[in-house]
Amino acid sequence: MYRIAFEGKPKTYLSYSISFATEEQIEAVIEFRDELRKRIVGFDPLSIREMGWLSVAIAMKK
């Protein structure tokens, strides 16, 4: 919340299709997101634990 209110960094919603992503693709998205977070405040759908997208991607791989 502090970063959103006081740091003045650009803000964005990270939007990407993850419904049918492989585990490797999800890992690449996480790496990209982590690097991007150094420069912006990003609202990330993967950070919402209730959705469990990573679990779905792993289950689909199996």
Protein backbone atom coordinates (compact mmCIF):
# COMPACT_ATOMS: atom_id res chain seq x y z
CA MET A 1 0.00 0.00 0.00
CA TYR A 2 2.87 2.35 0.79
CA ARG A 3 4.30 1.94 -2.72
CA ILE A 4 0.91 2.67 -4.27
CA ALA A 5 0.30 5.79 -2.21
CA PHE A 6 3.70 7.40 -1.83
CA GLU A 7 6.39 6.19 -4.24
CA GLY A 8 4.93 7.73 -7.38
CA LYS A 9 5.86 4.77 -9.58
CA PRO A 10 3.70 3.96 -12.60
CA LYS A 11 0.93 1.49 -11.86
CA THR A 12 -0.36 -1.24 -14.10
CA TYR A 13 -2.48 -4.36 -14.09
CA LEU A 14 -0.46 -7.29 -15.39
CA SER A 15 -2.74 -9.06 -17.82
CA TYR A 16 -1.78 -12.32 -19.46
CA SER A 17 -3.49 -15.54 -20.39
CA ILE A 18 -2.58 -18.23 -17.87
CA SER A 19 -5.51 -20.62 -18.18
CA PHE A 20 -3.64 -23.09 -20.39
CA ALA A 21 -0.07 -22.13 -19.51
CA THR A 22 2.56 -24.75 -18.81
CA GLU A 23 4.54 -24.74 -15.57
CA GLU A 24 7.55 -23.37 -17.47
CA GLN A 25 5.45 -20.54 -18.93
CA ILE A 26 4.11 -19.66 -15.49
CA GLU A 27 7.67 -19.58 -14.13
CA ALA A 28 8.72 -17.26 -16.99
CA VAL A 29 5.78 -14.95 -16.20
CA ILE A 30 6.78 -14.88 -12.53
CA GLU A 31 10.39 -13.99 -13.43
CA PHE A 32 9.18 -11.23 -15.76
CA ARG A 33 6.79 -9.91 -13.09
CA ASP A 34 9.52 -9.84 -10.45
CA GLU A 35 11.83 -7.87 -12.75
CA LEU A 36 9.03 -5.48 -13.71
CA ARG A 37 8.18 -4.84 -10.05
CA LYS A 38 11.54 -3.08 -9.65
CA ARG A 39 10.25 -0.28 -11.91
CA ILE A 40 6.46 -0.21 -11.42
CA VAL A 41 3.67 -1.11 -9.06
CA GLY A 42 1.97 -4.07 -10.71
CA PHE A 43 -1.38 -5.57 -9.82
CA ASP A 44 -0.87 -9.23 -10.60
CA PRO A 45 -3.63 -11.84 -11.04
CA LEU A 46 -1.17 -14.60 -10.05
CA SER A 47 -0.85 -13.04 -6.60
CA ILE A 48 -4.49 -13.84 -5.84
CA ARG A 49 -4.21 -17.13 -3.97
CA GLU A 50 -7.90 -18.04 -4.18
CA MET A 51 -7.63 -18.53 -7.93
CA GLY A 52 -4.97 -21.22 -7.66
CA TRP A 53 -3.86 -20.82 -11.29
CA LEU A 54 -0.45 -22.30 -10.65
CA SER A 55 -2.10 -25.39 -9.15
CA VAL A 56 -4.35 -25.65 -12.18
CA ALA A 57 -1.39 -25.36 -14.56
CA ILE A 58 0.54 -28.03 -12.68
CA ALA A 59 -2.50 -30.34 -12.60
CA MET A 60 -3.05 -29.87 -16.32
CA LYS A 61 0.57 -30.79 -17.00
CA LYS A 62 0.10 -34.09 -15.13
